[in-house]
């Protein structure tokens, strides 16, 4: 595959996985379960725990960064196709880790927690996805 074709494929997969992460939060009704008077305390605790899950992205991002560097190093050689495949695989796995905040937001929404918690966790996922975009220098 040519670099432009691979970039197009990566871009389509990026949008597809972002929609898989964020759409359930938009489609599931809020407050299926009620925590009553404990909602405020549980919301804050849940938000802090869910934000701490962002640190799970450190190792996958490091692998992604090394895969991008490898693609840049083997450009116009016989190993380029394998490097692009590795980049695709590494990024796909890393994006699953980037989905964790949105899925935490979905869980918070189902529990009926405060909406700022749901919104902030949902917005954390596109920010993480933005980190995993393919650099334009590789095309």
N, C-alpha and C. Protein backbone atom coordinates (compact mmCIF):
# COMPACT_ATOMS: atom_id res chain seq x y z
N UNK A 1 0.83 -1.18 0.00
CA UNK A 1 0.00 0.00 0.00
C UNK A 1 0.88 1.25 0.00
N UNK A 2 0.39 2.25 -0.65
CA UNK A 2 1.09 3.53 -0.66
C UNK A 2 0.81 4.27 0.65
N UNK A 3 1.72 5.15 1.04
CA UNK A 3 1.51 5.89 2.29
C UNK A 3 0.18 6.66 2.32
N UNK A 4 -0.25 7.20 1.19
CA UNK A 4 -1.51 7.93 1.17
C UNK A 4 -2.70 7.00 1.44
N UNK A 5 -2.64 5.78 0.89
CA UNK A 5 -3.70 4.81 1.12
C UNK A 5 -3.73 4.37 2.58
N UNK A 6 -2.55 4.15 3.14
CA UNK A 6 -2.48 3.75 4.55
C UNK A 6 -3.00 4.86 5.45
N UNK A 7 -2.62 6.10 5.15
CA UNK A 7 -3.10 7.23 5.94
C UNK A 7 -4.62 7.36 5.86
N UNK A 8 -5.18 7.13 4.67
CA UNK A 8 -6.63 7.19 4.52
C UNK A 8 -7.30 6.09 5.34
N UNK A 9 -6.74 4.89 5.30
CA UNK A 9 -7.27 3.79 6.09
C UNK A 9 -7.17 4.10 7.58
N UNK A 10 -6.03 4.62 8.00
CA UNK A 10 -5.87 4.99 9.41
C UNK A 10 -6.86 6.07 9.82
N UNK A 11 -7.11 7.01 8.94
CA UNK A 11 -8.06 8.09 9.24
C UNK A 11 -9.48 7.53 9.38
N UNK A 12 -9.88 6.63 8.49
CA UNK A 12 -11.22 6.03 8.58
C UNK A 12 -11.36 5.21 9.85
N UNK A 13 -10.34 4.42 10.17
CA UNK A 13 -10.40 3.63 11.40
C UNK A 13 -10.44 4.51 12.64
N UNK A 14 -9.74 5.65 12.58
CA UNK A 14 -9.74 6.59 13.71
C UNK A 14 -11.15 7.11 13.96
N UNK A 15 -11.84 7.55 12.90
CA UNK A 15 -13.21 8.06 13.06
C UNK A 15 -14.16 6.96 13.50
N UNK A 16 -13.99 5.77 12.96
CA UNK A 16 -14.86 4.65 13.35
C UNK A 16 -14.70 4.33 14.83
N UNK A 17 -13.47 4.26 15.28
CA UNK A 17 -13.26 3.91 16.68
C UNK A 17 -13.69 5.04 17.61
N UNK A 18 -13.53 6.28 17.18
CA UNK A 18 -14.02 7.40 17.99
C UNK A 18 -15.54 7.33 18.14
N UNK A 19 -16.22 6.99 17.07
CA UNK A 19 -17.68 6.87 17.16
C UNK A 19 -18.08 5.69 18.04
N UNK A 20 -17.33 4.61 18.01
CA UNK A 20 -17.61 3.46 18.88
C UNK A 20 -17.42 3.86 20.35
N UNK A 21 -16.50 4.75 20.61
CA UNK A 21 -16.24 5.17 21.99
C UNK A 21 -17.28 6.16 22.50
N UNK A 22 -17.67 7.13 21.67
CA UNK A 22 -18.48 8.24 22.16
C UNK A 22 -19.98 8.05 21.94
N UNK A 23 -20.40 7.39 20.87
CA UNK A 23 -21.83 7.24 20.59
C UNK A 23 -22.62 6.55 21.70
N UNK A 24 -22.10 5.50 22.33
CA UNK A 24 -22.90 4.90 23.41
C UNK A 24 -23.23 5.88 24.53
N UNK A 25 -22.33 6.82 24.82
CA UNK A 25 -22.60 7.81 25.86
C UNK A 25 -23.77 8.69 25.44
N UNK A 26 -23.85 9.00 24.16
CA UNK A 26 -24.93 9.86 23.66
C UNK A 26 -26.26 9.12 23.57
N UNK A 27 -26.22 7.82 23.33
CA UNK A 27 -27.45 7.08 23.06
C UNK A 27 -28.11 6.47 24.29
N UNK A 28 -27.33 6.19 25.33
CA UNK A 28 -27.89 5.55 26.52
C UNK A 28 -28.60 6.60 27.37
N UNK A 29 -29.80 6.30 27.86
CA UNK A 29 -30.51 7.28 28.69
C UNK A 29 -29.82 7.48 30.04
N UNK A 30 -29.94 8.67 30.57
CA UNK A 30 -29.29 9.01 31.84
C UNK A 30 -30.10 8.49 33.02
N UNK A 31 -29.39 8.12 34.06
CA UNK A 31 -30.01 7.78 35.34
C UNK A 31 -30.86 6.55 35.36
N UNK A 32 -30.39 5.47 34.78
CA UNK A 32 -31.15 4.23 34.87
C UNK A 32 -31.18 3.72 36.31
N UNK A 33 -30.13 4.01 37.06
CA UNK A 33 -30.06 3.67 38.48
C UNK A 33 -29.89 4.96 39.26
N UNK A 34 -30.44 5.02 40.44
CA UNK A 34 -30.33 6.23 41.24
C UNK A 34 -29.57 5.91 42.53
N UNK A 35 -28.63 6.78 42.86
CA UNK A 35 -27.85 6.61 44.09
C UNK A 35 -28.39 7.47 45.22
N UNK A 36 -29.43 8.22 44.96
CA UNK A 36 -30.08 9.02 45.99
C UNK A 36 -29.20 10.13 46.53
N UNK A 37 -29.08 10.18 47.84
CA UNK A 37 -28.35 11.27 48.48
C UNK A 37 -26.84 11.14 48.34
N UNK A 38 -26.35 10.02 47.90
CA UNK A 38 -24.90 9.80 47.77
C UNK A 38 -24.35 10.20 46.40
N UNK A 39 -25.18 10.74 45.55
CA UNK A 39 -24.78 11.04 44.18
C UNK A 39 -23.59 11.98 44.12
N UNK A 40 -23.60 13.03 44.93
CA UNK A 40 -22.52 14.02 44.86
C UNK A 40 -21.18 13.43 45.28
N UNK A 41 -21.16 12.68 46.36
CA UNK A 41 -19.91 12.06 46.82
C UNK A 41 -19.40 11.02 45.84
N UNK A 42 -20.30 10.20 45.37
CA UNK A 42 -19.91 9.15 44.44
C UNK A 42 -19.43 9.76 43.13
N UNK A 43 -20.04 10.85 42.69
CA UNK A 43 -19.63 11.51 41.45
C UNK A 43 -18.20 11.99 41.53
N UNK A 44 -17.86 12.66 42.61
CA UNK A 44 -16.49 13.15 42.76
C UNK A 44 -15.49 12.01 42.84
N UNK A 45 -15.80 11.00 43.63
CA UNK A 45 -14.91 9.85 43.75
C UNK A 45 -14.76 9.13 42.41
N UNK A 46 -15.86 8.92 41.71
CA UNK A 46 -15.82 8.25 40.43
C UNK A 46 -15.01 9.05 39.41
N UNK A 47 -15.18 10.36 39.42
CA UNK A 47 -14.44 11.22 38.49
C UNK A 47 -12.94 11.12 38.72
N UNK A 48 -12.53 11.15 39.97
CA UNK A 48 -11.10 11.05 40.29
C UNK A 48 -10.56 9.68 39.87
N UNK A 49 -11.30 8.63 40.14
CA UNK A 49 -10.86 7.29 39.74
C UNK A 49 -10.79 7.15 38.22
N UNK A 50 -11.78 7.68 37.53
CA UNK A 50 -11.80 7.58 36.07
C UNK A 50 -10.67 8.40 35.46
N UNK A 51 -10.38 9.56 36.02
CA UNK A 51 -9.26 10.35 35.50
C UNK A 51 -7.92 9.66 35.75
N UNK A 52 -7.83 8.93 36.84
CA UNK A 52 -6.58 8.20 37.09
C UNK A 52 -6.38 7.09 36.05
N UNK A 53 -7.46 6.64 35.43
CA UNK A 53 -7.34 5.63 34.38
C UNK A 53 -6.68 6.20 33.12
N UNK A 54 -6.60 7.52 33.01
CA UNK A 54 -5.91 8.13 31.87
C UNK A 54 -4.44 7.73 31.84
N UNK A 55 -3.88 7.42 32.99
CA UNK A 55 -2.47 7.05 33.04
C UNK A 55 -2.21 5.69 32.39
N UNK A 56 -3.27 4.93 32.14
CA UNK A 56 -3.10 3.67 31.41
C UNK A 56 -2.65 3.91 29.98
N UNK A 57 -2.81 5.13 29.48
CA UNK A 57 -2.44 5.46 28.11
C UNK A 57 -0.96 5.74 27.93
N UNK A 58 -0.19 5.79 28.99
CA UNK A 58 1.22 6.15 28.88
C UNK A 58 2.01 5.12 28.06
N UNK A 59 1.87 3.86 28.40
CA UNK A 59 2.63 2.82 27.70
C UNK A 59 2.17 2.64 26.24
N UNK A 60 0.85 2.58 25.97
CA UNK A 60 0.45 2.49 24.57
C UNK A 60 0.89 3.69 23.74
N UNK A 61 0.89 4.89 24.33
CA UNK A 61 1.34 6.05 23.58
C UNK A 61 2.83 5.96 23.27
N UNK A 62 3.59 5.43 24.20
CA UNK A 62 5.03 5.25 23.96
C UNK A 62 5.26 4.26 22.82
N UNK A 63 4.49 3.18 22.78
CA UNK A 63 4.61 2.21 21.69
C UNK A 63 4.22 2.84 20.36
N UNK A 64 3.17 3.65 20.38
CA UNK A 64 2.73 4.35 19.16
C UNK A 64 3.82 5.29 18.67
N UNK A 65 4.41 6.02 19.58
CA UNK A 65 5.46 6.98 19.22
C UNK A 65 6.64 6.25 18.58
N UNK A 66 7.03 5.12 19.14
CA UNK A 66 8.15 4.35 18.58
C UNK A 66 7.78 3.77 17.21
N UNK A 67 6.53 3.37 17.02
CA UNK A 67 6.10 2.84 15.72
C UNK A 67 6.12 3.95 14.67
N UNK A 68 5.72 5.17 15.05
CA UNK A 68 5.77 6.30 14.11
C UNK A 68 7.21 6.61 13.73
N UNK A 69 8.10 6.58 14.70
CA UNK A 69 9.52 6.84 14.43
C UNK A 69 10.08 5.77 13.49
N UNK A 70 9.67 4.51 13.71
CA UNK A 70 10.16 3.43 12.86
C UNK A 70 9.69 3.60 11.42
N UNK A 71 8.44 4.01 11.23
CA UNK A 71 7.94 4.25 9.87
C UNK A 71 8.76 5.34 9.21
N UNK A 72 9.06 6.38 9.96
CA UNK A 72 9.86 7.46 9.40
C UNK A 72 11.27 7.04 9.03
N UNK A 73 11.82 6.09 9.77
CA UNK A 73 13.19 5.64 9.50
C UNK A 73 13.27 4.70 8.31
N UNK A 74 12.24 3.91 8.08
CA UNK A 74 12.31 2.90 7.00
C UNK A 74 11.57 3.35 5.75
N UNK A 75 11.31 4.62 5.61
CA UNK A 75 10.64 5.15 4.41
C UNK A 75 11.45 4.79 3.17
N UNK A 76 10.72 4.41 2.12
CA UNK A 76 11.33 4.10 0.83
C UNK A 76 12.29 2.90 0.88
N UNK A 77 12.04 1.98 1.81
CA UNK A 77 12.82 0.74 1.87
C UNK A 77 11.87 -0.44 1.79
N UNK A 78 12.44 -1.63 1.82
CA UNK A 78 11.62 -2.84 1.73
C UNK A 78 10.80 -3.08 3.00
N UNK A 79 11.23 -2.53 4.11
CA UNK A 79 10.53 -2.76 5.39
C UNK A 79 9.39 -1.77 5.61
N UNK A 80 9.14 -0.88 4.68
CA UNK A 80 8.12 0.15 4.89
C UNK A 80 6.73 -0.44 5.09
N UNK A 81 6.37 -1.41 4.30
CA UNK A 81 5.02 -2.01 4.42
C UNK A 81 4.83 -2.66 5.79
N UNK A 82 5.87 -3.36 6.28
CA UNK A 82 5.76 -3.96 7.60
C UNK A 82 5.67 -2.90 8.70
N UNK A 83 6.39 -1.81 8.52
CA UNK A 83 6.35 -0.74 9.52
C UNK A 83 4.96 -0.09 9.56
N UNK A 84 4.34 0.10 8.39
CA UNK A 84 2.99 0.65 8.37
C UNK A 84 2.00 -0.30 9.03
N UNK A 85 2.14 -1.58 8.78
CA UNK A 85 1.27 -2.57 9.42
C UNK A 85 1.43 -2.54 10.93
N UNK A 86 2.67 -2.47 11.38
CA UNK A 86 2.92 -2.40 12.82
C UNK A 86 2.31 -1.13 13.41
N UNK A 87 2.46 -0.01 12.71
CA UNK A 87 1.87 1.24 13.19
C UNK A 87 0.36 1.12 13.30
N UNK A 88 -0.26 0.50 12.29
CA UNK A 88 -1.70 0.32 12.31
C UNK A 88 -2.14 -0.54 13.51
N UNK A 89 -1.41 -1.61 13.73
CA UNK A 89 -1.74 -2.51 14.84
C UNK A 89 -1.53 -1.83 16.19
N UNK A 90 -0.41 -1.15 16.35
CA UNK A 90 -0.10 -0.48 17.62
C UNK A 90 -1.12 0.62 17.89
N UNK A 91 -1.47 1.37 16.87
CA UNK A 91 -2.43 2.45 17.08
C UNK A 91 -3.81 1.94 17.41
N UNK A 92 -4.23 0.85 16.77
CA UNK A 92 -5.53 0.28 17.07
C UNK A 92 -5.61 -0.15 18.53
N UNK A 93 -4.57 -0.81 19.01
CA UNK A 93 -4.56 -1.21 20.42
C UNK A 93 -4.53 -0.01 21.34
N UNK A 94 -3.78 1.01 20.98
CA UNK A 94 -3.70 2.20 21.82
C UNK A 94 -5.03 2.94 21.88
N UNK A 95 -5.76 2.95 20.77
CA UNK A 95 -7.04 3.64 20.76
C UNK A 95 -8.07 2.95 21.66
N UNK A 96 -7.93 1.65 21.84
CA UNK A 96 -8.83 0.98 22.78
C UNK A 96 -8.59 1.50 24.20
N UNK A 97 -7.34 1.75 24.54
CA UNK A 97 -7.05 2.34 25.85
C UNK A 97 -7.60 3.77 25.92
N UNK A 98 -7.59 4.48 24.83
CA UNK A 98 -8.10 5.85 24.81
C UNK A 98 -9.62 5.88 24.96
N UNK A 99 -10.29 4.77 24.73
CA UNK A 99 -11.75 4.71 24.87
C UNK A 99 -12.19 4.61 26.33
N UNK A 100 -11.30 4.29 27.22
CA UNK A 100 -11.65 4.05 28.63
C UNK A 100 -12.39 5.23 29.27
N UNK A 101 -11.95 6.48 29.08
CA UNK A 101 -12.71 7.57 29.71
C UNK A 101 -14.15 7.68 29.22
N UNK A 102 -14.39 7.48 27.94
CA UNK A 102 -15.77 7.56 27.43
C UNK A 102 -16.61 6.42 27.98
N UNK A 103 -16.03 5.25 28.09
CA UNK A 103 -16.79 4.14 28.64
C UNK A 103 -17.03 4.32 30.13
N UNK A 104 -16.10 4.98 30.82
CA UNK A 104 -16.33 5.34 32.21
C UNK A 104 -17.47 6.35 32.31
N UNK A 105 -17.52 7.27 31.36
CA UNK A 105 -18.61 8.25 31.33
C UNK A 105 -19.95 7.55 31.09
N UNK A 106 -19.95 6.54 30.26
CA UNK A 106 -21.17 5.77 30.03
C UNK A 106 -21.63 5.11 31.32
N UNK A 107 -20.70 4.53 32.05
CA UNK A 107 -21.03 3.90 33.33
C UNK A 107 -21.55 4.95 34.31
N UNK A 108 -20.93 6.13 34.34
CA UNK A 108 -21.37 7.20 35.23
C UNK A 108 -22.77 7.68 34.84
N UNK A 109 -23.05 7.73 33.55
CA UNK A 109 -24.37 8.16 33.09
C UNK A 109 -25.44 7.15 33.49
N UNK A 110 -25.12 5.87 33.37
CA UNK A 110 -26.07 4.83 33.75
C UNK A 110 -26.35 4.88 35.25
N UNK A 111 -25.32 5.19 36.04
CA UNK A 111 -25.50 5.29 37.48
C UNK A 111 -26.22 6.56 37.91
N UNK A 112 -26.42 7.48 36.98
CA UNK A 112 -27.12 8.71 37.31
C UNK A 112 -26.24 9.73 38.00
N UNK A 113 -24.94 9.69 37.75
CA UNK A 113 -24.04 10.64 38.37
C UNK A 113 -24.17 12.00 37.70
N UNK A 114 -23.56 13.02 38.29
CA UNK A 114 -23.69 14.39 37.80
C UNK A 114 -23.22 14.49 36.35
N UNK A 115 -23.92 15.31 35.57
CA UNK A 115 -23.59 15.46 34.14
C UNK A 115 -22.22 16.06 33.87
N UNK A 116 -21.69 16.98 34.71
CA UNK A 116 -20.32 17.45 34.43
C UNK A 116 -19.30 16.32 34.42
N UNK A 117 -19.50 15.32 35.26
CA UNK A 117 -18.60 14.16 35.28
C UNK A 117 -18.69 13.42 33.95
N UNK A 118 -19.90 13.22 33.48
CA UNK A 118 -20.11 12.51 32.22
C UNK A 118 -19.51 13.29 31.05
N UNK A 119 -19.76 14.59 31.02
CA UNK A 119 -19.27 15.41 29.91
C UNK A 119 -17.74 15.48 29.90
N UNK A 120 -17.14 15.71 31.05
CA UNK A 120 -15.67 15.82 31.10
C UNK A 120 -14.99 14.51 30.74
N UNK A 121 -15.53 13.40 31.20
CA UNK A 121 -14.93 12.12 30.84
C UNK A 121 -15.14 11.81 29.35
N UNK A 122 -16.29 12.19 28.82
CA UNK A 122 -16.53 11.97 27.40
C UNK A 122 -15.59 12.81 26.55
N UNK A 123 -15.33 14.03 26.96
CA UNK A 123 -14.44 14.90 26.21
C UNK A 123 -12.97 14.49 26.32
N UNK A 124 -12.63 13.72 27.33
CA UNK A 124 -11.24 13.26 27.48
C UNK A 124 -10.87 12.28 26.37
N UNK A 125 -11.84 11.53 25.87
CA UNK A 125 -11.54 10.55 24.83
C UNK A 125 -11.13 11.19 23.51
N UNK A 126 -11.86 12.19 22.97
CA UNK A 126 -11.37 12.82 21.74
C UNK A 126 -10.00 13.49 21.91
N UNK A 127 -9.73 13.99 23.10
CA UNK A 127 -8.41 14.59 23.35
C UNK A 127 -7.33 13.51 23.25
N UNK A 128 -7.58 12.36 23.84
CA UNK A 128 -6.62 11.26 23.73
C UNK A 128 -6.52 10.77 22.29
N UNK A 129 -7.63 10.71 21.59
CA UNK A 129 -7.60 10.29 20.19
C UNK A 129 -6.78 11.26 19.36
N UNK A 130 -6.85 12.53 19.68
CA UNK A 130 -6.08 13.53 18.95
C UNK A 130 -4.58 13.25 19.05
N UNK A 131 -4.14 12.69 20.17
CA UNK A 131 -2.73 12.35 20.33
C UNK A 131 -2.30 11.23 19.38
N UNK A 132 -3.24 10.39 18.99
CA UNK A 132 -2.92 9.23 18.16
C UNK A 132 -3.15 9.46 16.67
N UNK A 133 -3.20 10.69 16.24
CA UNK A 133 -3.33 10.94 14.80
C UNK A 133 -1.99 10.68 14.12
N UNK A 134 -2.03 10.35 12.85
CA UNK A 134 -0.82 10.07 12.09
C UNK A 134 -0.18 11.37 11.64
N UNK A 135 1.09 11.56 11.91
CA UNK A 135 1.74 12.83 11.51
C UNK A 135 1.75 13.01 9.99
N UNK A 136 1.59 14.24 9.56
CA UNK A 136 1.57 14.54 8.13
C UNK A 136 2.93 14.31 7.48
N UNK A 137 3.99 14.29 8.25
CA UNK A 137 5.31 14.08 7.70
C UNK A 137 5.49 12.68 7.13
N UNK A 138 4.61 11.76 7.50
CA UNK A 138 4.73 10.39 7.01
C UNK A 138 4.07 10.16 5.65
N UNK A 139 3.41 11.17 5.11
CA UNK A 139 2.74 10.97 3.82
C UNK A 139 3.65 11.35 2.67
